[in-house]
Amino acid sequence: MEKLVSLGKILSDMNRVKIIALMQREKELCVCEICDTLQLSQPLVSRHLKQMREAEIVQTKQSGKWMIYSLCNNETIYCLLDTIQEDIKKLPKVISCATR
C-alpha cells in the first residue's frame, strides 16, 4: 500500500507529472534540460527528481560529469501516461544541454 500512496503523492504535483511526461517522451534527460524546457529552477527540479527516485519512478546513470534521468520500468506509470498522450505532445520541445 505504501508504494501506491507514494505514487499518488508524486502524481499530485503538476510539475512532477510534467517531468515524468517529458521523460517518457524523450527517454533520457539531464537536470538542466528539464529546468530549461519547463522553465523551473534547478533546486526545485532536483527536489522533485529526488522524490521520484525515492519512489522508484525514475532511475539515474552517470554520463561523464552529468547525471542522466530516465523512467524506471513501471507499468502503472506507463498506463497513466497512456491517458495523457495528447498532453505529452503539447509539452515544449526539449532545450538540449549544449555541454552534454
N, C-alpha and C. Protein backbone atom coordinates (compact mmCIF):
# COMPACT_ATOMS: atom_id res chain seq x y z
N MET A 1 0.80 -1.19 0.00
CA MET A 1 0.00 0.00 0.00
C MET A 1 0.85 1.26 0.00
N GLU A 2 2.00 1.19 0.65
CA GLU A 2 2.86 2.38 0.74
C GLU A 2 3.32 2.86 -0.64
N LYS A 3 3.60 1.94 -1.55
CA LYS A 3 4.02 2.33 -2.89
C LYS A 3 2.92 3.09 -3.61
N LEU A 4 1.68 2.66 -3.44
CA LEU A 4 0.55 3.32 -4.08
C LEU A 4 0.36 4.73 -3.52
N VAL A 5 0.46 4.88 -2.22
CA VAL A 5 0.34 6.19 -1.60
C VAL A 5 1.48 7.10 -2.06
N SER A 6 2.69 6.55 -2.11
CA SER A 6 3.84 7.32 -2.59
C SER A 6 3.64 7.78 -4.03
N LEU A 7 3.15 6.90 -4.87
CA LEU A 7 2.87 7.23 -6.27
C LEU A 7 1.81 8.33 -6.36
N GLY A 8 0.78 8.23 -5.53
CA GLY A 8 -0.26 9.26 -5.51
C GLY A 8 0.29 10.62 -5.13
N LYS A 9 1.20 10.64 -4.17
CA LYS A 9 1.82 11.91 -3.77
C LYS A 9 2.65 12.49 -4.91
N ILE A 10 3.39 11.64 -5.60
CA ILE A 10 4.21 12.11 -6.72
C ILE A 10 3.32 12.70 -7.81
N LEU A 11 2.23 12.04 -8.12
CA LEU A 11 1.36 12.47 -9.20
C LEU A 11 0.44 13.62 -8.82
N SER A 12 0.49 14.06 -7.56
CA SER A 12 -0.38 15.16 -7.12
C SER A 12 0.22 16.53 -7.43
N ASP A 13 1.41 16.56 -8.01
CA ASP A 13 2.06 17.82 -8.34
C ASP A 13 2.22 17.94 -9.85
N MET A 14 1.71 19.03 -10.42
CA MET A 14 1.74 19.21 -11.87
C MET A 14 3.16 19.23 -12.42
N ASN A 15 4.10 19.85 -11.72
CA ASN A 15 5.48 19.89 -12.21
C ASN A 15 6.09 18.50 -12.28
N ARG A 16 5.82 17.66 -11.28
CA ARG A 16 6.34 16.30 -11.31
C ARG A 16 5.71 15.50 -12.45
N VAL A 17 4.42 15.69 -12.69
CA VAL A 17 3.76 15.00 -13.80
C VAL A 17 4.38 15.44 -15.12
N LYS A 18 4.64 16.73 -15.27
CA LYS A 18 5.28 17.23 -16.50
C LYS A 18 6.67 16.64 -16.67
N ILE A 19 7.43 16.53 -15.59
CA ILE A 19 8.77 15.95 -15.66
C ILE A 19 8.68 14.49 -16.10
N ILE A 20 7.77 13.74 -15.51
CA ILE A 20 7.57 12.34 -15.87
C ILE A 20 7.16 12.22 -17.33
N ALA A 21 6.23 13.05 -17.76
CA ALA A 21 5.75 13.01 -19.14
C ALA A 21 6.88 13.36 -20.11
N LEU A 22 7.69 14.34 -19.76
CA LEU A 22 8.81 14.73 -20.61
C LEU A 22 9.82 13.59 -20.71
N MET A 23 10.07 12.91 -19.60
CA MET A 23 10.98 11.76 -19.63
C MET A 23 10.42 10.63 -20.48
N GLN A 24 9.12 10.43 -20.41
CA GLN A 24 8.51 9.37 -21.22
C GLN A 24 8.70 9.68 -22.69
N ARG A 25 8.54 10.94 -23.07
CA ARG A 25 8.67 11.34 -24.47
C ARG A 25 10.13 11.32 -24.94
N GLU A 26 11.05 11.80 -24.11
CA GLU A 26 12.44 11.97 -24.52
C GLU A 26 13.35 10.80 -24.11
N LYS A 27 12.88 9.95 -23.26
CA LYS A 27 13.60 8.76 -22.75
C LYS A 27 14.65 9.11 -21.70
N GLU A 28 15.58 10.02 -21.98
CA GLU A 28 16.64 10.39 -21.03
C GLU A 28 16.83 11.89 -21.04
N LEU A 29 16.98 12.46 -19.83
CA LEU A 29 17.18 13.90 -19.70
C LEU A 29 18.13 14.19 -18.54
N CYS A 30 18.88 15.28 -18.66
CA CYS A 30 19.65 15.75 -17.51
C CYS A 30 18.85 16.87 -16.84
N VAL A 31 19.27 17.25 -15.65
CA VAL A 31 18.54 18.25 -14.88
C VAL A 31 18.42 19.56 -15.64
N CYS A 32 19.50 20.00 -16.27
CA CYS A 32 19.45 21.30 -16.95
C CYS A 32 18.47 21.28 -18.12
N GLU A 33 18.31 20.15 -18.79
CA GLU A 33 17.33 20.06 -19.88
C GLU A 33 15.91 20.19 -19.33
N ILE A 34 15.65 19.57 -18.20
CA ILE A 34 14.33 19.67 -17.57
C ILE A 34 14.07 21.10 -17.13
N CYS A 35 15.06 21.71 -16.46
CA CYS A 35 14.92 23.09 -15.98
C CYS A 35 14.64 24.05 -17.12
N ASP A 36 15.46 23.98 -18.16
CA ASP A 36 15.33 24.91 -19.28
C ASP A 36 14.04 24.70 -20.06
N THR A 37 13.67 23.45 -20.26
CA THR A 37 12.47 23.14 -21.04
C THR A 37 11.19 23.55 -20.32
N LEU A 38 11.11 23.24 -19.03
CA LEU A 38 9.89 23.52 -18.28
C LEU A 38 9.94 24.85 -17.53
N GLN A 39 11.06 25.56 -17.67
CA GLN A 39 11.27 26.85 -17.01
C GLN A 39 11.05 26.75 -15.50
N LEU A 40 11.75 25.77 -14.91
CA LEU A 40 11.71 25.55 -13.47
C LEU A 40 13.12 25.73 -12.91
N SER A 41 13.22 26.09 -11.65
CA SER A 41 14.53 26.29 -11.04
C SER A 41 15.23 24.95 -10.81
N GLN A 42 16.55 24.98 -10.82
CA GLN A 42 17.33 23.76 -10.60
C GLN A 42 17.07 23.13 -9.23
N PRO A 43 17.00 23.94 -8.13
CA PRO A 43 16.71 23.31 -6.84
C PRO A 43 15.34 22.61 -6.80
N LEU A 44 14.35 23.22 -7.44
CA LEU A 44 13.02 22.62 -7.47
C LEU A 44 13.03 21.31 -8.25
N VAL A 45 13.64 21.31 -9.42
CA VAL A 45 13.71 20.10 -10.24
C VAL A 45 14.49 19.00 -9.51
N SER A 46 15.59 19.36 -8.89
CA SER A 46 16.39 18.37 -8.16
C SER A 46 15.59 17.76 -7.01
N ARG A 47 14.82 18.59 -6.31
CA ARG A 47 13.99 18.08 -5.21
C ARG A 47 12.93 17.11 -5.75
N HIS A 48 12.28 17.49 -6.86
CA HIS A 48 11.28 16.60 -7.46
C HIS A 48 11.91 15.28 -7.91
N LEU A 49 13.07 15.35 -8.54
CA LEU A 49 13.75 14.14 -9.00
C LEU A 49 14.15 13.24 -7.83
N LYS A 50 14.58 13.83 -6.74
CA LYS A 50 14.93 13.05 -5.55
C LYS A 50 13.70 12.29 -5.04
N GLN A 51 12.57 12.98 -4.97
CA GLN A 51 11.33 12.34 -4.52
C GLN A 51 10.93 11.21 -5.45
N MET A 52 11.08 11.43 -6.75
CA MET A 52 10.71 10.40 -7.72
C MET A 52 11.69 9.23 -7.69
N ARG A 53 12.95 9.50 -7.42
CA ARG A 53 13.94 8.42 -7.28
C ARG A 53 13.61 7.57 -6.06
N GLU A 54 13.27 8.22 -4.94
CA GLU A 54 12.92 7.50 -3.72
C GLU A 54 11.66 6.67 -3.89
N ALA A 55 10.75 7.12 -4.75
CA ALA A 55 9.52 6.38 -5.03
C ALA A 55 9.71 5.34 -6.14
N GLU A 56 10.95 5.21 -6.61
CA GLU A 56 11.32 4.24 -7.65
C GLU A 56 10.56 4.47 -8.96
N ILE A 57 10.39 5.75 -9.30
CA ILE A 57 9.75 6.12 -10.55
C ILE A 57 10.80 6.47 -11.59
N VAL A 58 11.89 7.11 -11.15
CA VAL A 58 12.98 7.43 -12.06
C VAL A 58 14.26 6.75 -11.60
N GLN A 59 15.15 6.56 -12.56
CA GLN A 59 16.46 5.98 -12.28
C GLN A 59 17.52 6.92 -12.86
N THR A 60 18.73 6.74 -12.40
CA THR A 60 19.82 7.60 -12.85
C THR A 60 20.97 6.77 -13.40
N LYS A 61 21.76 7.45 -14.23
CA LYS A 61 23.03 6.86 -14.66
C LYS A 61 23.99 8.02 -14.87
N GLN A 62 25.24 7.75 -14.61
CA GLN A 62 26.28 8.75 -14.76
C GLN A 62 26.78 8.75 -16.20
N SER A 63 26.91 9.93 -16.78
CA SER A 63 27.47 10.07 -18.12
C SER A 63 28.50 11.19 -18.03
N GLY A 64 29.75 10.82 -17.82
CA GLY A 64 30.78 11.82 -17.58
C GLY A 64 30.48 12.53 -16.27
N LYS A 65 30.38 13.85 -16.32
CA LYS A 65 30.04 14.58 -15.10
C LYS A 65 28.54 14.81 -14.96
N TRP A 66 27.75 14.30 -15.90
CA TRP A 66 26.31 14.52 -15.91
C TRP A 66 25.55 13.33 -15.32
N MET A 67 24.48 13.64 -14.59
CA MET A 67 23.56 12.63 -14.10
C MET A 67 22.38 12.62 -15.05
N ILE A 68 22.11 11.47 -15.64
CA ILE A 68 21.03 11.34 -16.62
C ILE A 68 19.86 10.60 -15.97
N TYR A 69 18.67 11.13 -16.15
CA TYR A 69 17.47 10.58 -15.55
C TYR A 69 16.58 9.95 -16.61
N SER A 70 15.97 8.83 -16.24
CA SER A 70 15.00 8.17 -17.11
C SER A 70 13.97 7.47 -16.23
N LEU A 71 12.86 7.10 -16.84
CA LEU A 71 11.81 6.41 -16.08
C LEU A 71 12.21 4.97 -15.81
N CYS A 72 11.87 4.50 -14.63
CA CYS A 72 12.02 3.08 -14.32
C CYS A 72 10.94 2.32 -15.09
N ASN A 73 11.15 1.05 -15.25
CA ASN A 73 10.14 0.20 -15.90
C ASN A 73 9.01 0.00 -14.90
N ASN A 74 7.97 0.82 -15.01
CA ASN A 74 6.86 0.82 -14.07
C ASN A 74 5.56 0.80 -14.86
N GLU A 75 4.90 -0.32 -14.88
CA GLU A 75 3.68 -0.49 -15.67
C GLU A 75 2.58 0.50 -15.26
N THR A 76 2.49 0.80 -13.98
CA THR A 76 1.46 1.73 -13.50
C THR A 76 1.68 3.11 -14.11
N ILE A 77 2.92 3.59 -14.09
CA ILE A 77 3.23 4.90 -14.66
C ILE A 77 2.95 4.89 -16.16
N TYR A 78 3.39 3.84 -16.86
CA TYR A 78 3.15 3.77 -18.30
C TYR A 78 1.65 3.78 -18.62
N CYS A 79 0.87 3.09 -17.81
CA CYS A 79 -0.58 3.05 -18.01
C CYS A 79 -1.17 4.45 -17.83
N LEU A 80 -0.75 5.15 -16.80
CA LEU A 80 -1.24 6.51 -16.56
C LEU A 80 -0.80 7.46 -17.66
N LEU A 81 0.44 7.31 -18.14
CA LEU A 81 0.94 8.18 -19.20
C LEU A 81 0.17 7.97 -20.50
N ASP A 82 -0.32 6.76 -20.72
CA ASP A 82 -1.12 6.50 -21.92
C ASP A 82 -2.37 7.36 -21.96
N THR A 83 -2.89 7.72 -20.79
CA THR A 83 -4.12 8.52 -20.74
C THR A 83 -3.88 9.99 -21.05
N ILE A 84 -2.62 10.43 -21.07
CA ILE A 84 -2.33 11.85 -21.34
C ILE A 84 -1.43 12.04 -22.56
N GLN A 85 -1.50 11.14 -23.51
CA GLN A 85 -0.64 11.21 -24.69
C GLN A 85 -0.77 12.54 -25.43
N GLU A 86 -1.97 13.06 -25.56
CA GLU A 86 -2.15 14.34 -26.26
C GLU A 86 -1.48 15.48 -25.50
N ASP A 87 -1.56 15.46 -24.18
CA ASP A 87 -0.90 16.48 -23.37
C ASP A 87 0.62 16.38 -23.47
N ILE A 88 1.13 15.17 -23.55
CA ILE A 88 2.57 14.96 -23.67
C ILE A 88 3.08 15.57 -24.97
N LYS A 89 2.31 15.44 -26.04
CA LYS A 89 2.70 16.01 -27.33
C LYS A 89 2.77 17.53 -27.26
N LYS A 90 2.01 18.15 -26.37
CA LYS A 90 1.95 19.61 -26.26
C LYS A 90 3.06 20.19 -25.38
N LEU A 91 3.81 19.34 -24.70
CA LEU A 91 4.91 19.85 -23.89
C LEU A 91 5.92 20.54 -24.79
N PRO A 92 6.63 21.53 -24.26
CA PRO A 92 7.61 22.23 -25.10
C PRO A 92 8.71 21.31 -25.60
N LYS A 93 9.28 21.71 -26.73
CA LYS A 93 10.42 20.99 -27.27
C LYS A 93 11.58 21.10 -26.29
N VAL A 94 12.31 20.01 -26.10
CA VAL A 94 13.41 19.99 -25.15
C VAL A 94 14.51 20.95 -25.57
N ILE A 95 14.95 21.74 -24.62
CA ILE A 95 16.10 22.62 -24.82
C ILE A 95 17.31 21.81 -24.37
N SER A 96 18.08 21.34 -25.32
CA SER A 96 19.20 20.44 -25.04
C SER A 96 20.36 21.17 -24.39
N CYS A 97 21.05 20.43 -23.56
CA CYS A 97 22.29 20.93 -22.96
C CYS A 97 23.35 21.05 -24.06
N ALA A 98 23.94 22.19 -24.15
CA ALA A 98 24.99 22.37 -25.16
C ALA A 98 26.26 21.63 -24.76
N THR A 99 26.40 21.37 -23.47
CA THR A 99 27.65 20.75 -23.00
C THR A 99 27.55 19.27 -22.77
N ARG A 100 26.37 18.67 -22.91
CA ARG A 100 26.24 17.23 -22.64
C ARG A 100 26.60 16.44 -23.84
